[in-house]
N, C-alpha and C. Protein backbone atom coordinates (compact mmCIF):
# COMPACT_ATOMS: atom_id res chain seq x y z
N MET A 1 -7.82 16.94 15.15
CA MET A 1 -8.27 16.06 16.21
C MET A 1 -8.55 14.68 15.64
N SER A 2 -8.09 13.67 16.30
CA SER A 2 -8.27 12.30 15.83
C SER A 2 -9.69 11.83 16.08
N THR A 3 -10.20 11.10 15.13
CA THR A 3 -11.55 10.53 15.26
C THR A 3 -11.44 9.01 15.28
N ARG A 4 -10.55 8.49 16.11
CA ARG A 4 -10.27 7.06 16.17
C ARG A 4 -11.54 6.24 16.36
N GLY A 5 -11.71 5.27 15.48
CA GLY A 5 -12.81 4.34 15.59
C GLY A 5 -12.34 3.03 16.19
N ASN A 6 -13.25 2.09 16.36
CA ASN A 6 -12.91 0.79 16.94
C ASN A 6 -11.96 -0.01 16.07
N ASP A 7 -11.95 0.21 14.77
CA ASP A 7 -11.11 -0.57 13.88
C ASP A 7 -9.78 0.10 13.59
N ALA A 8 -9.52 1.27 14.14
CA ALA A 8 -8.27 1.98 13.89
C ALA A 8 -7.11 1.20 14.49
N ALA A 9 -5.91 1.63 14.18
CA ALA A 9 -4.70 1.00 14.69
C ALA A 9 -4.64 1.11 16.21
N GLU A 10 -3.75 0.36 16.81
CA GLU A 10 -3.57 0.41 18.26
C GLU A 10 -3.29 1.84 18.68
N PRO A 11 -4.00 2.35 19.70
CA PRO A 11 -3.83 3.74 20.12
C PRO A 11 -2.39 4.10 20.49
N SER A 12 -1.61 3.15 20.99
CA SER A 12 -0.24 3.44 21.41
C SER A 12 0.73 3.54 20.23
N LEU A 13 0.27 3.20 19.04
CA LEU A 13 1.13 3.17 17.86
C LEU A 13 0.72 4.29 16.91
N ALA A 14 1.62 5.24 16.69
CA ALA A 14 1.33 6.35 15.77
C ALA A 14 1.02 5.79 14.38
N PRO A 15 0.03 6.33 13.69
CA PRO A 15 -0.30 5.83 12.36
C PRO A 15 0.89 5.90 11.41
N ARG A 16 1.08 4.82 10.67
CA ARG A 16 2.15 4.73 9.67
C ARG A 16 1.57 5.03 8.30
N LEU A 17 2.36 5.71 7.49
CA LEU A 17 2.02 5.94 6.08
C LEU A 17 3.00 5.13 5.24
N ILE A 18 2.46 4.29 4.37
CA ILE A 18 3.28 3.44 3.50
C ILE A 18 2.83 3.70 2.07
N VAL A 19 3.78 4.03 1.20
CA VAL A 19 3.48 4.27 -0.21
C VAL A 19 4.17 3.18 -1.02
N LEU A 20 3.37 2.49 -1.86
CA LEU A 20 3.88 1.43 -2.73
C LEU A 20 3.64 1.86 -4.17
N ARG A 21 4.73 2.05 -4.93
CA ARG A 21 4.62 2.50 -6.32
C ARG A 21 5.40 1.57 -7.23
N GLY A 22 5.03 1.58 -8.49
CA GLY A 22 5.75 0.80 -9.48
C GLY A 22 4.87 0.52 -10.68
N ASN A 23 5.45 -0.13 -11.66
CA ASN A 23 4.74 -0.43 -12.90
C ASN A 23 3.65 -1.48 -12.69
N SER A 24 2.76 -1.55 -13.64
CA SER A 24 1.69 -2.54 -13.62
C SER A 24 2.30 -3.95 -13.57
N GLY A 25 1.76 -4.79 -12.71
CA GLY A 25 2.24 -6.17 -12.60
C GLY A 25 3.47 -6.33 -11.72
N SER A 26 3.84 -5.29 -10.98
CA SER A 26 5.05 -5.39 -10.17
C SER A 26 4.81 -5.97 -8.78
N GLY A 27 3.55 -6.10 -8.36
CA GLY A 27 3.24 -6.72 -7.08
C GLY A 27 2.75 -5.78 -5.99
N LYS A 28 2.51 -4.53 -6.31
CA LYS A 28 2.10 -3.54 -5.32
C LYS A 28 0.80 -3.92 -4.62
N THR A 29 -0.22 -4.24 -5.39
CA THR A 29 -1.53 -4.55 -4.83
C THR A 29 -1.46 -5.84 -4.00
N THR A 30 -0.75 -6.83 -4.51
CA THR A 30 -0.59 -8.10 -3.79
C THR A 30 0.07 -7.85 -2.44
N VAL A 31 1.13 -7.06 -2.43
CA VAL A 31 1.83 -6.76 -1.17
C VAL A 31 0.94 -5.94 -0.25
N ALA A 32 0.20 -4.97 -0.78
CA ALA A 32 -0.69 -4.16 0.06
C ALA A 32 -1.71 -5.05 0.78
N HIS A 33 -2.33 -5.96 0.06
CA HIS A 33 -3.33 -6.84 0.68
C HIS A 33 -2.69 -7.83 1.64
N ALA A 34 -1.48 -8.29 1.32
CA ALA A 34 -0.76 -9.19 2.24
C ALA A 34 -0.36 -8.46 3.52
N LEU A 35 -0.04 -7.17 3.41
CA LEU A 35 0.26 -6.36 4.60
C LEU A 35 -0.96 -6.31 5.52
N ARG A 36 -2.13 -6.06 4.92
CA ARG A 36 -3.33 -5.99 5.76
C ARG A 36 -3.66 -7.34 6.37
N THR A 37 -3.47 -8.42 5.61
CA THR A 37 -3.70 -9.76 6.15
C THR A 37 -2.76 -10.02 7.32
N ALA A 38 -1.51 -9.66 7.16
CA ALA A 38 -0.52 -9.89 8.21
C ALA A 38 -0.76 -9.00 9.43
N TYR A 39 -1.15 -7.74 9.20
CA TYR A 39 -1.33 -6.81 10.31
C TYR A 39 -2.71 -6.96 10.96
N GLY A 40 -3.74 -7.08 10.16
CA GLY A 40 -5.10 -7.16 10.68
C GLY A 40 -5.83 -5.84 10.55
N ARG A 41 -6.91 -5.70 11.33
CA ARG A 41 -7.70 -4.46 11.30
C ARG A 41 -6.84 -3.27 11.70
N GLY A 42 -7.19 -2.11 11.16
CA GLY A 42 -6.46 -0.91 11.50
C GLY A 42 -5.50 -0.45 10.41
N LEU A 43 -5.48 -1.17 9.29
CA LEU A 43 -4.62 -0.80 8.17
C LEU A 43 -5.51 -0.59 6.95
N ALA A 44 -5.55 0.64 6.46
CA ALA A 44 -6.38 1.00 5.31
C ALA A 44 -5.54 0.94 4.03
N ILE A 45 -6.15 0.45 2.97
CA ILE A 45 -5.49 0.43 1.65
C ILE A 45 -6.22 1.42 0.76
N ILE A 46 -5.46 2.36 0.21
CA ILE A 46 -6.02 3.31 -0.75
C ILE A 46 -5.36 3.01 -2.08
N SER A 47 -6.12 2.38 -2.95
CA SER A 47 -5.61 1.92 -4.24
C SER A 47 -5.94 2.92 -5.34
N GLN A 48 -4.92 3.36 -6.06
CA GLN A 48 -5.13 4.27 -7.17
C GLN A 48 -6.13 3.70 -8.16
N ASP A 49 -6.03 2.40 -8.48
CA ASP A 49 -6.96 1.79 -9.43
C ASP A 49 -8.40 1.88 -8.96
N VAL A 50 -8.64 1.64 -7.68
CA VAL A 50 -10.01 1.70 -7.16
C VAL A 50 -10.53 3.13 -7.22
N VAL A 51 -9.72 4.08 -6.76
CA VAL A 51 -10.17 5.47 -6.75
C VAL A 51 -10.37 6.00 -8.17
N ARG A 52 -9.39 5.77 -9.01
CA ARG A 52 -9.44 6.34 -10.37
C ARG A 52 -10.43 5.61 -11.27
N ARG A 53 -10.32 4.27 -11.32
CA ARG A 53 -11.14 3.53 -12.29
C ARG A 53 -12.52 3.18 -11.78
N GLU A 54 -12.66 2.85 -10.49
CA GLU A 54 -13.95 2.40 -9.99
C GLU A 54 -14.78 3.52 -9.38
N ILE A 55 -14.19 4.34 -8.53
CA ILE A 55 -14.96 5.40 -7.88
C ILE A 55 -15.23 6.55 -8.85
N LEU A 56 -14.20 7.04 -9.52
CA LEU A 56 -14.36 8.21 -10.39
C LEU A 56 -14.51 7.87 -11.87
N ARG A 57 -14.06 6.70 -12.25
CA ARG A 57 -14.06 6.28 -13.66
C ARG A 57 -13.45 7.36 -14.57
N GLU A 58 -12.21 7.71 -14.22
CA GLU A 58 -11.53 8.73 -15.00
C GLU A 58 -10.21 8.19 -15.55
N ARG A 59 -9.73 8.84 -16.58
CA ARG A 59 -8.43 8.49 -17.17
C ARG A 59 -7.31 9.04 -16.29
N ASP A 60 -6.15 8.39 -16.37
CA ASP A 60 -5.00 8.86 -15.62
C ASP A 60 -4.33 9.98 -16.42
N ARG A 61 -4.45 11.18 -15.91
CA ARG A 61 -3.88 12.35 -16.60
C ARG A 61 -3.44 13.36 -15.55
N PRO A 62 -2.55 14.26 -15.92
CA PRO A 62 -2.13 15.29 -14.98
C PRO A 62 -3.33 16.11 -14.48
N GLY A 63 -3.35 16.38 -13.19
CA GLY A 63 -4.41 17.20 -12.61
C GLY A 63 -5.75 16.50 -12.43
N ALA A 64 -5.81 15.20 -12.64
CA ALA A 64 -7.07 14.48 -12.52
C ALA A 64 -7.58 14.51 -11.08
N ALA A 65 -8.89 14.35 -10.93
CA ALA A 65 -9.53 14.44 -9.62
C ALA A 65 -9.06 13.37 -8.65
N ASN A 66 -8.65 12.19 -9.16
CA ASN A 66 -8.25 11.11 -8.27
C ASN A 66 -7.02 11.48 -7.43
N ILE A 67 -6.19 12.36 -7.93
CA ILE A 67 -4.98 12.74 -7.20
C ILE A 67 -5.35 13.39 -5.86
N GLY A 68 -6.24 14.35 -5.92
CA GLY A 68 -6.69 15.01 -4.69
C GLY A 68 -7.51 14.10 -3.81
N LEU A 69 -8.30 13.22 -4.42
CA LEU A 69 -9.12 12.31 -3.62
C LEU A 69 -8.26 11.28 -2.88
N ILE A 70 -7.22 10.77 -3.53
CA ILE A 70 -6.29 9.86 -2.85
C ILE A 70 -5.66 10.57 -1.66
N ASP A 71 -5.22 11.80 -1.87
CA ASP A 71 -4.62 12.60 -0.80
C ASP A 71 -5.60 12.79 0.35
N LEU A 72 -6.81 13.19 0.03
CA LEU A 72 -7.84 13.43 1.05
C LEU A 72 -8.16 12.15 1.83
N MET A 73 -8.32 11.05 1.12
CA MET A 73 -8.63 9.77 1.78
C MET A 73 -7.50 9.35 2.71
N ALA A 74 -6.25 9.47 2.23
CA ALA A 74 -5.11 9.08 3.06
C ALA A 74 -5.04 9.94 4.32
N ARG A 75 -5.17 11.24 4.15
CA ARG A 75 -5.09 12.14 5.30
C ARG A 75 -6.21 11.86 6.31
N HIS A 76 -7.40 11.61 5.80
CA HIS A 76 -8.53 11.34 6.69
C HIS A 76 -8.30 10.04 7.47
N ALA A 77 -7.89 9.00 6.77
CA ALA A 77 -7.66 7.71 7.45
C ALA A 77 -6.53 7.82 8.47
N LEU A 78 -5.45 8.52 8.13
CA LEU A 78 -4.35 8.73 9.09
C LEU A 78 -4.85 9.49 10.31
N ASP A 79 -5.63 10.54 10.07
CA ASP A 79 -6.15 11.35 11.17
C ASP A 79 -7.10 10.55 12.05
N ALA A 80 -7.76 9.57 11.46
CA ALA A 80 -8.68 8.72 12.21
C ALA A 80 -7.93 7.60 12.94
N GLY A 81 -6.60 7.55 12.77
CA GLY A 81 -5.80 6.59 13.52
C GLY A 81 -5.45 5.32 12.78
N TYR A 82 -5.77 5.25 11.50
CA TYR A 82 -5.44 4.07 10.71
C TYR A 82 -4.03 4.17 10.15
N HIS A 83 -3.34 3.04 10.06
CA HIS A 83 -2.15 2.96 9.23
C HIS A 83 -2.66 2.97 7.80
N VAL A 84 -1.93 3.60 6.89
CA VAL A 84 -2.42 3.76 5.52
C VAL A 84 -1.38 3.27 4.53
N VAL A 85 -1.84 2.44 3.59
CA VAL A 85 -1.03 2.04 2.44
C VAL A 85 -1.66 2.69 1.21
N VAL A 86 -0.91 3.56 0.55
CA VAL A 86 -1.33 4.15 -0.72
C VAL A 86 -0.57 3.38 -1.78
N GLU A 87 -1.30 2.78 -2.74
CA GLU A 87 -0.60 1.97 -3.74
C GLU A 87 -1.14 2.22 -5.14
N GLY A 88 -0.22 2.14 -6.10
CA GLY A 88 -0.59 2.29 -7.49
C GLY A 88 0.61 2.63 -8.35
N LEU A 89 0.36 2.78 -9.66
CA LEU A 89 1.43 3.23 -10.56
C LEU A 89 1.93 4.59 -10.08
N LEU A 90 1.00 5.50 -9.81
CA LEU A 90 1.29 6.79 -9.20
C LEU A 90 2.52 7.45 -9.83
N TYR A 91 2.44 7.70 -11.14
CA TYR A 91 3.55 8.31 -11.87
C TYR A 91 4.09 9.53 -11.13
N ALA A 92 5.41 9.63 -11.06
CA ALA A 92 6.06 10.70 -10.31
C ALA A 92 5.67 12.09 -10.82
N ASP A 93 5.56 12.25 -12.14
CA ASP A 93 5.23 13.58 -12.67
C ASP A 93 3.80 14.00 -12.38
N ARG A 94 2.90 13.07 -12.12
CA ARG A 94 1.50 13.41 -11.84
C ARG A 94 1.17 13.38 -10.36
N TYR A 95 1.73 12.41 -9.64
CA TYR A 95 1.37 12.18 -8.25
C TYR A 95 2.47 12.56 -7.28
N GLY A 96 3.67 12.86 -7.80
CA GLY A 96 4.83 13.13 -6.94
C GLY A 96 4.63 14.27 -5.97
N GLY A 97 4.07 15.39 -6.44
CA GLY A 97 3.83 16.53 -5.56
C GLY A 97 2.90 16.17 -4.42
N MET A 98 1.82 15.49 -4.74
CA MET A 98 0.86 15.08 -3.72
C MET A 98 1.52 14.12 -2.72
N LEU A 99 2.26 13.13 -3.24
CA LEU A 99 2.86 12.13 -2.36
C LEU A 99 3.94 12.74 -1.46
N THR A 100 4.79 13.59 -2.01
CA THR A 100 5.84 14.19 -1.18
C THR A 100 5.24 15.11 -0.13
N SER A 101 4.16 15.82 -0.46
CA SER A 101 3.47 16.66 0.54
C SER A 101 2.81 15.80 1.61
N LEU A 102 2.21 14.71 1.19
CA LEU A 102 1.56 13.79 2.13
C LEU A 102 2.58 13.25 3.12
N VAL A 103 3.73 12.81 2.61
CA VAL A 103 4.79 12.29 3.48
C VAL A 103 5.31 13.40 4.39
N ALA A 104 5.58 14.58 3.84
CA ALA A 104 6.13 15.69 4.63
C ALA A 104 5.16 16.15 5.71
N ASP A 105 3.87 16.15 5.42
CA ASP A 105 2.87 16.63 6.37
C ASP A 105 2.52 15.60 7.44
N HIS A 106 2.81 14.33 7.18
CA HIS A 106 2.45 13.27 8.13
C HIS A 106 3.36 13.35 9.36
N HIS A 107 2.76 13.36 10.54
CA HIS A 107 3.53 13.51 11.78
C HIS A 107 4.08 12.19 12.31
N GLY A 108 3.66 11.09 11.73
CA GLY A 108 4.16 9.79 12.16
C GLY A 108 5.15 9.24 11.15
N PRO A 109 5.57 8.01 11.36
CA PRO A 109 6.51 7.38 10.42
C PRO A 109 5.90 7.20 9.03
N ALA A 110 6.72 7.42 8.02
CA ALA A 110 6.30 7.23 6.63
C ALA A 110 7.42 6.53 5.88
N ARG A 111 7.06 5.53 5.06
CA ARG A 111 8.03 4.80 4.25
C ARG A 111 7.47 4.66 2.85
N CYS A 112 8.33 4.85 1.87
CA CYS A 112 7.93 4.74 0.47
C CYS A 112 8.79 3.69 -0.22
N TYR A 113 8.14 2.87 -1.05
CA TYR A 113 8.82 1.79 -1.75
C TYR A 113 8.47 1.85 -3.23
N TYR A 114 9.48 1.62 -4.05
CA TYR A 114 9.26 1.54 -5.49
C TYR A 114 9.60 0.12 -5.95
N PHE A 115 8.63 -0.53 -6.60
CA PHE A 115 8.82 -1.89 -7.10
C PHE A 115 9.53 -1.79 -8.45
N ASP A 116 10.80 -2.13 -8.44
CA ASP A 116 11.69 -1.95 -9.59
C ASP A 116 11.96 -3.31 -10.25
N LEU A 117 11.07 -3.69 -11.14
CA LEU A 117 11.15 -4.99 -11.80
C LEU A 117 11.31 -4.82 -13.30
N PRO A 118 12.00 -5.76 -13.97
CA PRO A 118 12.12 -5.69 -15.43
C PRO A 118 10.75 -5.84 -16.10
N PHE A 119 10.61 -5.24 -17.27
CA PHE A 119 9.35 -5.30 -18.00
C PHE A 119 8.88 -6.75 -18.20
N GLU A 120 9.79 -7.64 -18.56
CA GLU A 120 9.43 -9.03 -18.84
C GLU A 120 8.79 -9.70 -17.62
N VAL A 121 9.28 -9.38 -16.42
CA VAL A 121 8.72 -9.96 -15.20
C VAL A 121 7.31 -9.43 -14.97
N THR A 122 7.10 -8.12 -15.15
CA THR A 122 5.77 -7.56 -14.94
C THR A 122 4.79 -8.09 -16.00
N LEU A 123 5.27 -8.30 -17.21
CA LEU A 123 4.42 -8.86 -18.26
C LEU A 123 3.97 -10.27 -17.90
N ALA A 124 4.87 -11.08 -17.40
CA ALA A 124 4.53 -12.44 -16.99
C ALA A 124 3.54 -12.43 -15.81
N ARG A 125 3.74 -11.54 -14.87
CA ARG A 125 2.81 -11.44 -13.74
C ARG A 125 1.45 -10.95 -14.19
N HIS A 126 1.45 -10.01 -15.12
CA HIS A 126 0.18 -9.48 -15.64
C HIS A 126 -0.65 -10.59 -16.28
N ALA A 127 0.01 -11.52 -16.92
CA ALA A 127 -0.68 -12.62 -17.59
C ALA A 127 -1.51 -13.46 -16.63
N THR A 128 -1.23 -13.39 -15.34
CA THR A 128 -1.98 -14.17 -14.34
C THR A 128 -3.17 -13.39 -13.77
N LYS A 129 -3.33 -12.13 -14.15
CA LYS A 129 -4.40 -11.30 -13.61
C LYS A 129 -5.71 -11.52 -14.36
N PRO A 130 -6.84 -11.29 -13.69
CA PRO A 130 -8.14 -11.42 -14.36
C PRO A 130 -8.31 -10.48 -15.55
N ILE A 131 -7.64 -9.33 -15.54
CA ILE A 131 -7.79 -8.36 -16.64
C ILE A 131 -6.81 -8.60 -17.79
N ALA A 132 -6.06 -9.70 -17.72
CA ALA A 132 -5.05 -9.98 -18.76
C ALA A 132 -5.65 -10.06 -20.15
N GLY A 133 -6.89 -10.54 -20.27
CA GLY A 133 -7.55 -10.64 -21.57
C GLY A 133 -7.97 -9.29 -22.12
N GLU A 134 -8.17 -8.31 -21.24
CA GLU A 134 -8.60 -6.98 -21.66
C GLU A 134 -7.42 -6.07 -22.01
N LEU A 135 -6.32 -6.24 -21.29
CA LEU A 135 -5.15 -5.39 -21.45
C LEU A 135 -3.94 -6.28 -21.70
N GLY A 136 -3.21 -5.99 -22.77
CA GLY A 136 -2.10 -6.85 -23.13
C GLY A 136 -0.76 -6.14 -23.10
N GLU A 137 0.19 -6.74 -23.81
CA GLU A 137 1.55 -6.23 -23.83
C GLU A 137 1.64 -4.80 -24.36
N ALA A 138 0.85 -4.49 -25.38
CA ALA A 138 0.91 -3.14 -25.96
C ALA A 138 0.56 -2.07 -24.92
N GLU A 139 -0.49 -2.32 -24.14
CA GLU A 139 -0.89 -1.35 -23.11
C GLU A 139 0.18 -1.27 -22.01
N LEU A 140 0.70 -2.41 -21.60
CA LEU A 140 1.73 -2.39 -20.57
C LEU A 140 2.97 -1.62 -21.03
N ARG A 141 3.36 -1.81 -22.29
CA ARG A 141 4.52 -1.07 -22.82
C ARG A 141 4.24 0.44 -22.85
N GLN A 142 3.00 0.78 -23.18
CA GLN A 142 2.62 2.20 -23.23
C GLN A 142 2.70 2.84 -21.84
N TRP A 143 2.33 2.09 -20.81
CA TRP A 143 2.33 2.62 -19.45
C TRP A 143 3.69 2.53 -18.78
N TRP A 144 4.60 1.71 -19.33
CA TRP A 144 5.88 1.39 -18.69
C TRP A 144 6.74 2.63 -18.48
N ARG A 145 7.24 2.77 -17.27
CA ARG A 145 8.18 3.85 -16.93
C ARG A 145 9.27 3.25 -16.05
N PRO A 146 10.46 3.06 -16.60
CA PRO A 146 11.54 2.49 -15.78
C PRO A 146 12.02 3.48 -14.72
N ARG A 147 12.18 3.00 -13.51
CA ARG A 147 12.72 3.79 -12.40
C ARG A 147 12.12 5.19 -12.29
N ASP A 148 10.81 5.23 -12.27
CA ASP A 148 10.05 6.49 -12.16
C ASP A 148 10.01 6.93 -10.69
N LEU A 149 11.18 7.25 -10.16
CA LEU A 149 11.32 7.50 -8.74
C LEU A 149 10.90 8.91 -8.33
N LEU A 150 10.43 9.01 -7.09
CA LEU A 150 10.13 10.31 -6.50
C LEU A 150 11.44 11.02 -6.20
N PRO A 151 11.42 12.35 -6.11
CA PRO A 151 12.66 13.10 -5.86
C PRO A 151 13.22 12.88 -4.46
N ASP A 152 14.47 13.26 -4.30
CA ASP A 152 15.15 13.30 -3.00
C ASP A 152 15.34 11.94 -2.35
N GLY A 153 15.40 10.87 -3.13
CA GLY A 153 15.66 9.55 -2.56
C GLY A 153 14.61 9.11 -1.56
N LEU A 154 13.38 9.53 -1.78
CA LEU A 154 12.29 9.24 -0.85
C LEU A 154 11.94 7.75 -0.79
N GLU A 155 12.22 7.02 -1.87
CA GLU A 155 11.79 5.62 -1.95
C GLU A 155 12.94 4.63 -1.80
N GLU A 156 12.58 3.48 -1.25
CA GLU A 156 13.47 2.33 -1.21
C GLU A 156 13.01 1.39 -2.31
N LEU A 157 13.95 0.65 -2.89
CA LEU A 157 13.62 -0.24 -3.99
C LEU A 157 13.28 -1.65 -3.50
N ILE A 158 12.30 -2.24 -4.17
CA ILE A 158 11.99 -3.66 -4.01
C ILE A 158 12.15 -4.25 -5.40
N ASP A 159 12.98 -5.28 -5.54
CA ASP A 159 13.24 -5.83 -6.87
C ASP A 159 12.55 -7.18 -7.07
N GLU A 160 12.78 -7.78 -8.24
CA GLU A 160 12.11 -9.03 -8.62
C GLU A 160 12.54 -10.21 -7.77
N HIS A 161 13.60 -10.08 -7.00
CA HIS A 161 14.09 -11.19 -6.17
C HIS A 161 13.39 -11.24 -4.81
N SER A 162 12.63 -10.23 -4.49
CA SER A 162 11.92 -10.17 -3.22
C SER A 162 10.53 -10.78 -3.39
N SER A 163 10.26 -11.89 -2.72
CA SER A 163 8.94 -12.52 -2.79
C SER A 163 7.92 -11.65 -2.07
N THR A 164 6.66 -11.97 -2.23
CA THR A 164 5.62 -11.25 -1.51
C THR A 164 5.89 -11.31 -0.01
N GLY A 165 6.17 -12.49 0.49
CA GLY A 165 6.42 -12.66 1.92
C GLY A 165 7.62 -11.86 2.40
N GLN A 166 8.69 -11.86 1.61
CA GLN A 166 9.88 -11.10 1.98
C GLN A 166 9.59 -9.59 1.98
N SER A 167 8.86 -9.15 0.97
CA SER A 167 8.52 -7.72 0.88
C SER A 167 7.65 -7.31 2.06
N VAL A 168 6.66 -8.12 2.38
CA VAL A 168 5.77 -7.82 3.50
C VAL A 168 6.54 -7.81 4.82
N ALA A 169 7.38 -8.81 5.03
CA ALA A 169 8.17 -8.87 6.27
C ALA A 169 9.07 -7.65 6.39
N ARG A 170 9.68 -7.25 5.29
CA ARG A 170 10.56 -6.07 5.29
C ARG A 170 9.78 -4.81 5.67
N ILE A 171 8.63 -4.61 5.02
CA ILE A 171 7.84 -3.40 5.28
C ILE A 171 7.31 -3.39 6.70
N LEU A 172 6.80 -4.52 7.18
CA LEU A 172 6.32 -4.60 8.56
C LEU A 172 7.45 -4.27 9.54
N SER A 173 8.63 -4.80 9.28
CA SER A 173 9.78 -4.53 10.14
C SER A 173 10.20 -3.06 10.05
N ASP A 174 10.33 -2.55 8.83
CA ASP A 174 10.72 -1.15 8.64
C ASP A 174 9.78 -0.20 9.36
N CYS A 175 8.50 -0.55 9.38
CA CYS A 175 7.46 0.33 9.96
C CYS A 175 7.11 -0.02 11.39
N SER A 176 7.79 -1.02 11.95
CA SER A 176 7.52 -1.49 13.32
C SER A 176 6.05 -1.85 13.51
N LEU A 177 5.51 -2.56 12.53
CA LEU A 177 4.13 -3.07 12.60
C LEU A 177 4.20 -4.57 12.88
N THR A 178 3.86 -4.97 14.09
CA THR A 178 4.03 -6.38 14.47
C THR A 178 2.74 -7.09 14.82
N ARG A 179 1.67 -6.37 15.04
CA ARG A 179 0.41 -7.00 15.41
C ARG A 179 -0.11 -7.82 14.26
N GLY A 180 -0.79 -8.92 14.54
CA GLY A 180 -1.46 -9.65 13.47
C GLY A 180 -0.96 -11.07 13.32
N ARG A 181 -1.11 -11.56 12.12
CA ARG A 181 -0.85 -12.96 11.81
C ARG A 181 0.53 -13.14 11.20
N SER A 182 0.79 -14.37 10.81
CA SER A 182 2.09 -14.65 10.18
C SER A 182 2.12 -14.07 8.78
N VAL A 183 3.31 -13.81 8.31
CA VAL A 183 3.52 -13.23 6.98
C VAL A 183 3.42 -14.32 5.93
N PRO A 184 2.65 -14.09 4.83
CA PRO A 184 2.56 -15.09 3.77
C PRO A 184 3.90 -15.25 3.07
N SER A 185 4.12 -16.44 2.51
CA SER A 185 5.41 -16.66 1.83
C SER A 185 5.34 -16.33 0.37
C-alpha cells in the first residue's frame, strides 16, 4: 500500500526508478542532483556514499550492510510514491544482485545508466572535488573498474561527451519526467 506524502511525485505518474553507476569522478552524483533540481520535489536520491560512508561508516565489501539498506530505502521511497535515483560506484559483483532484483520487482518504469568514462577524465574531475586532497590517483586506480556493467544489457551508457545538461535531459526524456525547471547546461 502506498504511503504517498505531500512531497511525493505527481499521483498520476507511476514512480520511476533510475540507477546511475560508474567509476569515481564520472559525474553520477552531479547528474543525480541536477535531475532533482530539474524535476523538483518528489525525486529522492539514494547515494551509496551517503549510506555507506556517512550513515553506516562501513567499508565497501561484499555482503556489507549498506547493500540491503540501499535496497530497503529505495523500495520504501518508491512505495511512498517518490521517483528514486540510486547512485554510486555500486560494483556489479557486490551490488548487481540487489540492483537487478530492485529493477525486476519495481512495477513502474526503471532505467539504468553506466557512466563509461576514461580513467584520465575521471581523475581530472576528481581533482575538482573537495575530497581531492584526501584521496588521490592511487586510490582512484585501486577502485577503477572499466565497463563494470550489470548483466543482461540492463544499462545504457553515458560517455565523456555527454555534458551534465545533456545527460539530465536524456534521462528526464527517457523516464518521461517533465515537471520542474529548466535543465542545467
